[in-house]
Amino acid sequence: MPPELSGAKSARAAETVRPKTFFVLQALKAVLPGVIVQGIPSVNRAVINVQENSSGAASGAAPKERYHLLVEGYGLAAVMGAPGIDGSRTRSNHIIEVFHTLGVEAARIIISEEITYIMKAYGISIDRRHLLLLADVMTFKGEVLGITRFGVSKMRESVLMLASFEKTTDHLFDASVHGRHDAIVGVSECIIMGIPIPLGTGLFKLLMNEDKIKPPPTPELLVG
């Protein structure tokens, strides 16, 4: 075969392979970002944060550097079990994931800490006991409930308490149709009905038998 023909065939073969290679590379470029070589699939990225620990500054010692690994994504249990990670110091701001991984008590603490963090960012100071009370209300049922009409409806069965939050007419209409009973023991219910709240001094009632009360003695008047 003359060298001219062999050169032409090789050129045509190269032109045929070149588009195929391009499309194969484009397909690999689309697939490779989803291929997990190693690590946690639910974690998008991780950033190393260096924070100076100033606890020993008062004693004159140089501040020590503490390294934090900030992870963006999910998978608290997988991160806690990763090699080189101290699981006792691992925390997450995902309340529902903390609830499913560590339980309702851990979720209660995270609720309080996250609200405190947000309020401090705006310069708002709130007593920690108020935040813990809110966290208790959201978790006392054994699950995390939001302060919305859906969460409040799961917290209590009081008709007046539900009506005082949102959709008043809907709750009252539903209660009247199904004949629901309200014991009037909550704060909202007592305020609506205008009766003392069963808290503190209003927790008990004082009953007095008037028949057993002796009338006060009548003073004698001396007329001179």
C-alpha atoms as a PDB file:
ATOM      1  CA  MET A   1       0.000   0.000   0.000  1.00  0.00           C
ATOM      2  CA  PRO A   2       1.358   3.396  -0.929  1.00  0.00           C
ATOM      3  CA  PRO A   3       2.290   5.610   2.012  1.00  0.00           C
ATOM      4  CA  GLU A   4      -0.190   8.271   0.845  1.00  0.00           C
ATOM      5  CA  LEU A   5      -3.175   5.893   1.276  1.00  0.00           C
ATOM      6  CA  SER A   6      -2.031   4.644   4.681  1.00  0.00           C
ATOM      7  CA  GLY A   7      -1.586   8.237   5.871  1.00  0.00           C
ATOM      8  CA  ALA A   8      -5.089   9.160   4.685  1.00  0.00           C
ATOM      9  CA  LYS A   9      -6.648   6.164   6.462  1.00  0.00           C
ATOM     10  CA  SER A  10      -4.889   6.982   9.723  1.00  0.00           C
ATOM     11  CA  ALA A  11      -6.065  10.619   9.481  1.00  0.00           C
ATOM     12  CA  ARG A  12      -9.670   9.527   8.917  1.00  0.00           C
ATOM     13  CA  ALA A  13      -9.409   7.091  11.860  1.00  0.00           C
ATOM     14  CA  ALA A  14      -8.059   9.867  14.091  1.00  0.00           C
ATOM     15  CA  GLU A  15     -10.930  12.162  13.070  1.00  0.00           C
ATOM     16  CA  THR A  16     -13.429   9.402  13.905  1.00  0.00           C
ATOM     17  CA  VAL A  17     -11.898   8.637  17.330  1.00  0.00           C
ATOM     18  CA  ARG A  18     -11.596  12.288  18.341  1.00  0.00           C
ATOM     19  CA  PRO A  19     -15.391  13.004  18.596  1.00  0.00           C
ATOM     20  CA  LYS A  20     -15.935   9.713  20.446  1.00  0.00           C
ATOM     21  CA  THR A  21     -13.235  10.621  22.942  1.00  0.00           C
ATOM     22  CA  PHE A  22     -14.798  14.062  23.441  1.00  0.00           C
ATOM     23  CA  PHE A  23     -18.255  12.614  24.207  1.00  0.00           C
ATOM     24  CA  VAL A  24     -16.761   9.998  26.530  1.00  0.00           C
ATOM     25  CA  LEU A  25     -14.906  12.710  28.451  1.00  0.00           C
ATOM     26  CA  GLN A  26     -18.088  14.786  28.683  1.00  0.00           C
ATOM     27  CA  ALA A  27     -19.989  11.782  30.067  1.00  0.00           C
ATOM     28  CA  LEU A  28     -17.249  11.136  32.628  1.00  0.00           C
ATOM     29  CA  LYS A  29     -17.267  14.803  33.609  1.00  0.00           C
ATOM     30  CA  ALA A  30     -20.976  14.545  34.393  1.00  0.00           C
ATOM     31  CA  VAL A  31     -20.670  11.274  36.323  1.00  0.00           C
ATOM     32  CA  LEU A  32     -17.465  11.801  38.313  1.00  0.00           C
ATOM     33  CA  PRO A  33     -18.808  14.509  40.700  1.00  0.00           C
ATOM     34  CA  GLY A  34     -21.257  11.913  42.023  1.00  0.00           C
ATOM     35  CA  VAL A  35     -18.643   9.198  42.530  1.00  0.00           C
ATOM     36  CA  ILE A  36     -17.635   8.824  46.191  1.00  0.00           C
ATOM     37  CA  VAL A  37     -14.051   7.668  46.483  1.00  0.00           C
ATOM     38  CA  GLN A  38     -13.840   7.858  50.267  1.00  0.00           C
ATOM     39  CA  GLY A  39     -15.662   9.611  53.085  1.00  0.00           C
ATOM     40  CA  ILE A  40     -19.274  10.217  54.120  1.00  0.00           C
ATOM     41  CA  PRO A  41     -21.725  10.497  51.205  1.00  0.00           C
ATOM     42  CA  SER A  42     -24.009  13.011  52.973  1.00  0.00           C
ATOM     43  CA  VAL A  43     -21.182  15.486  53.696  1.00  0.00           C
ATOM     44  CA  ASN A  44     -20.701  18.133  51.021  1.00  0.00           C
ATOM     45  CA  ARG A  45     -17.537  19.739  52.345  1.00  0.00           C
ATOM     46  CA  ALA A  46     -15.443  20.174  55.489  1.00  0.00           C
ATOM     47  CA  VAL A  47     -13.473  23.223  56.635  1.00  0.00           C
ATOM     48  CA  ILE A  48     -10.765  23.271  59.306  1.00  0.00           C
ATOM     49  CA  ASN A  49     -11.246  26.129  61.768  1.00  0.00           C
ATOM     50  CA  VAL A  50      -8.463  27.161  64.175  1.00  0.00           C
ATOM     51  CA  GLN A  51      -9.591  28.712  67.451  1.00  0.00           C
ATOM     52  CA  GLU A  52      -7.329  29.989  70.213  1.00  0.00           C
ATOM     53  CA  ASN A  53      -8.117  28.611  73.640  1.00  0.00           C
ATOM     54  CA  SER A  54      -7.596  31.513  76.061  1.00  0.00           C
ATOM     55  CA  SER A  55      -8.322  29.498  79.211  1.00  0.00           C
ATOM     56  CA  GLY A  56      -4.660  29.576  80.243  1.00  0.00           C
ATOM     57  CA  ALA A  57      -4.132  33.255  79.452  1.00  0.00           C
ATOM     58  CA  ALA A  58      -4.939  34.283  83.029  1.00  0.00           C
ATOM     59  CA  SER A  59      -2.088  32.175  84.393  1.00  0.00           C
ATOM     60  CA  GLY A  60       0.387  33.679  81.926  1.00  0.00           C
ATOM     61  CA  ALA A  61       0.535  30.643  79.663  1.00  0.00           C
ATOM     62  CA  ALA A  62       0.426  31.065  75.909  1.00  0.00           C
ATOM     63  CA  PRO A  63      -2.999  30.392  74.378  1.00  0.00           C
ATOM     64  CA  LYS A  64      -3.275  26.991  72.779  1.00  0.00           C
ATOM     65  CA  GLU A  65      -4.751  26.431  69.353  1.00  0.00           C
ATOM     66  CA  ARG A  66      -7.764  24.175  69.071  1.00  0.00           C
ATOM     67  CA  TYR A  67      -8.781  22.763  65.740  1.00  0.00           C
ATOM     68  CA  HIS A  68     -12.438  22.415  64.784  1.00  0.00           C
ATOM     69  CA  LEU A  69     -13.708  20.554  61.759  1.00  0.00           C
ATOM     70  CA  LEU A  70     -16.785  22.326  60.391  1.00  0.00           C
ATOM     71  CA  VAL A  71     -18.815  19.894  58.299  1.00  0.00           C
ATOM     72  CA  GLU A  72     -21.530  20.941  55.873  1.00  0.00           C
ATOM     73  CA  GLY A  73     -24.121  18.226  55.424  1.00  0.00           C
ATOM     74  CA  TYR A  74     -25.761  15.452  57.385  1.00  0.00           C
ATOM     75  CA  GLY A  75     -24.711  12.224  59.051  1.00  0.00           C
ATOM     76  CA  LEU A  76     -24.005  13.022  62.708  1.00  0.00           C
ATOM     77  CA  ALA A  77     -23.565   9.360  63.648  1.00  0.00           C
ATOM     78  CA  ALA A  78     -21.114   8.777  60.780  1.00  0.00           C
ATOM     79  CA  VAL A  79     -19.089  11.872  61.714  1.00  0.00           C
ATOM     80  CA  MET A  80     -18.952  10.841  65.381  1.00  0.00           C
ATOM     81  CA  GLY A  81     -17.619   7.432  64.366  1.00  0.00           C
ATOM     82  CA  ALA A  82     -15.050   8.718  61.876  1.00  0.00           C
ATOM     83  CA  PRO A  83     -11.389   7.919  62.674  1.00  0.00           C
ATOM     84  CA  GLY A  84      -9.630  10.755  64.477  1.00  0.00           C
ATOM     85  CA  ILE A  85     -12.873  12.445  65.562  1.00  0.00           C
ATOM     86  CA  ASP A  86     -13.719  12.846  69.248  1.00  0.00           C
ATOM     87  CA  GLY A  87     -17.376  11.829  69.345  1.00  0.00           C
ATOM     88  CA  SER A  88     -17.913  13.361  72.791  1.00  0.00           C
ATOM     89  CA  ARG A  89     -17.108  16.823  71.401  1.00  0.00           C
ATOM     90  CA  THR A  90     -19.110  16.470  68.207  1.00  0.00           C
ATOM     91  CA  ARG A  91     -22.275  18.554  67.957  1.00  0.00           C
ATOM     92  CA  SER A  92     -24.781  19.439  65.281  1.00  0.00           C
ATOM     93  CA  ASN A  93     -27.245  22.274  64.805  1.00  0.00           C
ATOM     94  CA  HIS A  94     -29.704  19.952  63.056  1.00  0.00           C
ATOM     95  CA  ILE A  95     -32.226  19.409  65.853  1.00  0.00           C
ATOM     96  CA  ILE A  96     -34.132  16.543  64.240  1.00  0.00           C
ATOM     97  CA  GLU A  97     -30.926  14.647  63.430  1.00  0.00           C
ATOM     98  CA  VAL A  98     -29.697  15.135  67.008  1.00  0.00           C
ATOM     99  CA  PHE A  99     -33.048  13.824  68.250  1.00  0.00           C
ATOM    100  CA  HIS A 100     -32.836  10.675  66.129  1.00  0.00           C
ATOM    101  CA  THR A 101     -29.149  10.111  66.982  1.00  0.00           C
ATOM    102  CA  LEU A 102     -28.755  11.127  70.640  1.00  0.00           C
ATOM    103  CA  GLY A 103     -32.304  11.382  71.952  1.00  0.00           C
ATOM    104  CA  VAL A 104     -34.778  14.018  73.064  1.00  0.00           C
ATOM    105  CA  GLU A 105     -32.647  15.391  75.919  1.00  0.00           C
ATOM    106  CA  ALA A 106     -29.788  16.226  73.547  1.00  0.00           C
ATOM    107  CA  ALA A 107     -32.271  17.868  71.164  1.00  0.00           C
ATOM    108  CA  ARG A 108     -33.598  19.937  74.083  1.00  0.00           C
ATOM    109  CA  ILE A 109     -30.117  21.303  74.816  1.00  0.00           C
ATOM    110  CA  ILE A 110     -29.456  22.059  71.143  1.00  0.00           C
ATOM    111  CA  ILE A 111     -32.723  24.019  70.887  1.00  0.00           C
ATOM    112  CA  SER A 112     -31.684  26.217  73.803  1.00  0.00           C
ATOM    113  CA  GLU A 113     -28.125  26.696  72.525  1.00  0.00           C
ATOM    114  CA  GLU A 114     -29.177  27.556  68.975  1.00  0.00           C
ATOM    115  CA  ILE A 115     -31.719  30.154  70.136  1.00  0.00           C
ATOM    116  CA  THR A 116     -29.060  31.674  72.409  1.00  0.00           C
ATOM    117  CA  TYR A 117     -26.577  31.793  69.512  1.00  0.00           C
ATOM    118  CA  ILE A 118     -29.058  33.563  67.232  1.00  0.00           C
ATOM    119  CA  MET A 119     -30.115  36.062  69.888  1.00  0.00           C
ATOM    120  CA  LYS A 120     -26.507  36.929  70.781  1.00  0.00           C
ATOM    121  CA  ALA A 121     -25.761  37.637  67.132  1.00  0.00           C
ATOM    122  CA  TYR A 122     -28.339  40.468  67.284  1.00  0.00           C
ATOM    123  CA  GLY A 123     -27.251  41.669  70.714  1.00  0.00           C
ATOM    124  CA  ILE A 124     -30.364  40.331  72.458  1.00  0.00           C
ATOM    125  CA  SER A 125     -29.929  38.910  75.937  1.00  0.00           C
ATOM    126  CA  ILE A 126     -32.499  36.429  77.268  1.00  0.00           C
ATOM    127  CA  ASP A 127     -32.330  34.534  80.537  1.00  0.00           C
ATOM    128  CA  ARG A 128     -31.316  30.937  79.931  1.00  0.00           C
ATOM    129  CA  ARG A 129     -34.183  29.670  82.054  1.00  0.00           C
ATOM    130  CA  HIS A 130     -36.724  31.136  79.641  1.00  0.00           C
ATOM    131  CA  LEU A 131     -35.050  29.363  76.724  1.00  0.00           C
ATOM    132  CA  LEU A 132     -34.923  26.085  78.639  1.00  0.00           C
ATOM    133  CA  LEU A 133     -38.626  26.469  79.397  1.00  0.00           C
ATOM    134  CA  LEU A 134     -39.333  26.897  75.690  1.00  0.00           C
ATOM    135  CA  ALA A 135     -37.178  23.856  74.910  1.00  0.00           C
ATOM    136  CA  ASP A 136     -39.061  21.865  77.557  1.00  0.00           C
ATOM    137  CA  VAL A 137     -42.398  22.777  75.994  1.00  0.00           C
ATOM    138  CA  MET A 138     -41.143  21.667  72.584  1.00  0.00           C
ATOM    139  CA  THR A 139     -39.814  18.295  73.814  1.00  0.00           C
ATOM    140  CA  PHE A 140     -41.891  17.211  76.828  1.00  0.00           C
ATOM    141  CA  LYS A 141     -43.941  14.840  74.653  1.00  0.00           C
ATOM    142  CA  GLY A 142     -40.839  12.776  73.876  1.00  0.00           C
ATOM    143  CA  GLU A 143     -40.452  14.239  70.406  1.00  0.00           C
ATOM    144  CA  VAL A 144     -39.522  17.595  68.940  1.00  0.00           C
ATOM    145  CA  LEU A 145     -42.614  19.701  68.266  1.00  0.00           C
ATOM    146  CA  GLY A 146     -42.561  23.128  66.682  1.00  0.00           C
ATOM    147  CA  ILE A 147     -44.324  26.190  68.047  1.00  0.00           C
ATOM    148  CA  THR A 148     -46.779  26.159  65.155  1.00  0.00           C
ATOM    149  CA  ARG A 149     -50.415  25.205  64.891  1.00  0.00           C
ATOM    150  CA  PHE A 150     -49.357  21.692  63.936  1.00  0.00           C
ATOM    151  CA  GLY A 151     -46.970  21.307  66.873  1.00  0.00           C
ATOM    152  CA  VAL A 152     -49.305  22.953  69.372  1.00  0.00           C
ATOM    153  CA  SER A 153     -52.142  20.647  68.343  1.00  0.00           C
ATOM    154  CA  LYS A 154     -49.961  17.680  69.358  1.00  0.00           C
ATOM    155  CA  MET A 155     -48.935  19.199  72.673  1.00  0.00           C
ATOM    156  CA  ARG A 156     -52.331  19.414  74.288  1.00  0.00           C
ATOM    157  CA  GLU A 157     -55.960  18.561  73.652  1.00  0.00           C
ATOM    158  CA  SER A 158     -57.334  21.802  75.116  1.00  0.00           C
ATOM    159  CA  VAL A 159     -59.785  23.419  72.721  1.00  0.00           C
ATOM    160  CA  LEU A 160     -59.416  26.946  74.071  1.00  0.00           C
ATOM    161  CA  MET A 161     -55.631  26.723  74.082  1.00  0.00           C
ATOM    162  CA  LEU A 162     -55.625  25.712  70.409  1.00  0.00           C
ATOM    163  CA  ALA A 163     -58.154  28.428  69.583  1.00  0.00           C
ATOM    164  CA  SER A 164     -55.980  31.074  71.241  1.00  0.00           C
ATOM    165  CA  PHE A 165     -53.066  30.349  68.883  1.00  0.00           C
ATOM    166  CA  GLU A 166     -54.244  30.156  65.275  1.00  0.00           C
ATOM    167  CA  LYS A 167     -57.395  29.302  63.310  1.00  0.00           C
ATOM    168  CA  THR A 168     -59.745  30.138  66.168  1.00  0.00           C
ATOM    169  CA  THR A 169     -63.009  29.527  64.333  1.00  0.00           C
ATOM    170  CA  ASP A 170     -61.809  26.220  62.881  1.00  0.00           C
ATOM    171  CA  HIS A 171     -60.874  24.817  66.310  1.00  0.00           C
ATOM    172  CA  LEU A 172     -64.094  26.006  67.943  1.00  0.00           C
ATOM    173  CA  PHE A 173     -66.219  24.650  65.110  1.00  0.00           C
ATOM    174  CA  ASP A 174     -64.439  21.279  65.190  1.00  0.00           C
ATOM    175  CA  ALA A 175     -64.830  21.079  68.976  1.00  0.00           C
ATOM    176  CA  SER A 176     -68.545  21.853  68.821  1.00  0.00           C
ATOM    177  CA  VAL A 177     -69.146  19.282  66.088  1.00  0.00           C
ATOM    178  CA  HIS A 178     -67.322  16.484  67.935  1.00  0.00           C
ATOM    179  CA  GLY A 179     -68.470  17.512  71.421  1.00  0.00           C
ATOM    180  CA  ARG A 180     -65.004  17.927  72.922  1.00  0.00           C
ATOM    181  CA  HIS A 181     -64.510  18.685  76.596  1.00  0.00           C
ATOM    182  CA  ASP A 182     -62.107  21.254  78.034  1.00  0.00           C
ATOM    183  CA  ALA A 183     -61.086  20.997  81.694  1.00  0.00           C
ATOM    184  CA  ILE A 184     -59.991  24.683  81.844  1.00  0.00           C
ATOM    185  CA  VAL A 185     -56.703  24.024  83.654  1.00  0.00           C
ATOM    186  CA  GLY A 186     -54.183  25.784  81.414  1.00  0.00           C
ATOM    187  CA  VAL A 187     -53.039  29.392  81.454  1.00  0.00           C
ATOM    188  CA  SER A 188     -54.651  30.371  78.146  1.00  0.00           C
ATOM    189  CA  GLU A 189     -57.946  28.709  79.038  1.00  0.00           C
ATOM    190  CA  CYS A 190     -58.153  30.423  82.437  1.00  0.00           C
ATOM    191  CA  ILE A 191     -57.375  33.822  80.934  1.00  0.00           C
ATOM    192  CA  ILE A 192     -60.100  33.367  78.320  1.00  0.00           C
ATOM    193  CA  MET A 193     -62.655  32.316  80.936  1.00  0.00           C
ATOM    194  CA  GLY A 194     -61.558  34.968  83.444  1.00  0.00           C
ATOM    195  CA  ILE A 195     -60.813  32.597  86.323  1.00  0.00           C
ATOM    196  CA  PRO A 196     -57.680  32.321  88.510  1.00  0.00           C
ATOM    197  CA  ILE A 197     -54.808  30.397  86.968  1.00  0.00           C
ATOM    198  CA  PRO A 198     -54.026  27.146  88.874  1.00  0.00           C
ATOM    199  CA  LEU A 199     -50.444  28.188  89.632  1.00  0.00           C
ATOM    200  CA  GLY A 200     -48.822  29.424  92.822  1.00  0.00           C
ATOM    201  CA  THR A 201     -51.440  30.729  95.241  1.00  0.00           C
ATOM    202  CA  GLY A 202     -54.146  29.905  92.729  1.00  0.00           C
ATOM    203  CA  LEU A 203     -53.238  26.221  92.797  1.00  0.00           C
ATOM    204  CA  PHE A 204     -55.575  25.457  95.696  1.00  0.00           C
ATOM    205  CA  LYS A 205     -58.901  26.728  96.979  1.00  0.00           C
ATOM    206  CA  LEU A 206     -59.762  27.611 100.546  1.00  0.00           C
ATOM    207  CA  LEU A 207     -63.123  26.326 101.757  1.00  0.00           C
ATOM    208  CA  MET A 208     -64.619  27.782 104.899  1.00  0.00           C
ATOM    209  CA  ASN A 209     -67.496  26.440 106.985  1.00  0.00           C
ATOM    210  CA  GLU A 210     -69.328  29.567 108.056  1.00  0.00           C
ATOM    211  CA  ASP A 211     -71.499  27.674 110.546  1.00  0.00           C
ATOM    212  CA  LYS A 212     -68.490  26.848 112.728  1.00  0.00           C
ATOM    213  CA  ILE A 213     -67.212  30.376 112.825  1.00  0.00           C
ATOM    214  CA  LYS A 214     -67.979  32.062 116.087  1.00  0.00           C
ATOM    215  CA  PRO A 215     -69.136  35.616 115.773  1.00  0.00           C
ATOM    216  CA  PRO A 216     -66.854  38.202 117.336  1.00  0.00           C
ATOM    217  CA  PRO A 217     -67.896  39.213 120.857  1.00  0.00           C
ATOM    218  CA  THR A 218     -70.008  42.302 121.114  1.00  0.00           C
ATOM    219  CA  PRO A 219     -68.304  44.925 123.257  1.00  0.00           C
ATOM    220  CA  GLU A 220     -70.264  46.137 126.249  1.00  0.00           C
ATOM    221  CA  LEU A 221     -70.900  49.810 126.463  1.00  0.00           C
ATOM    222  CA  LEU A 222     -70.769  51.421 129.891  1.00  0.00           C
ATOM    223  CA  VAL A 223     -73.086  54.383 130.206  1.00  0.00           C
ATOM    224  CA  GLY A 224     -72.366  56.624 133.183  1.00  0.00           C
END
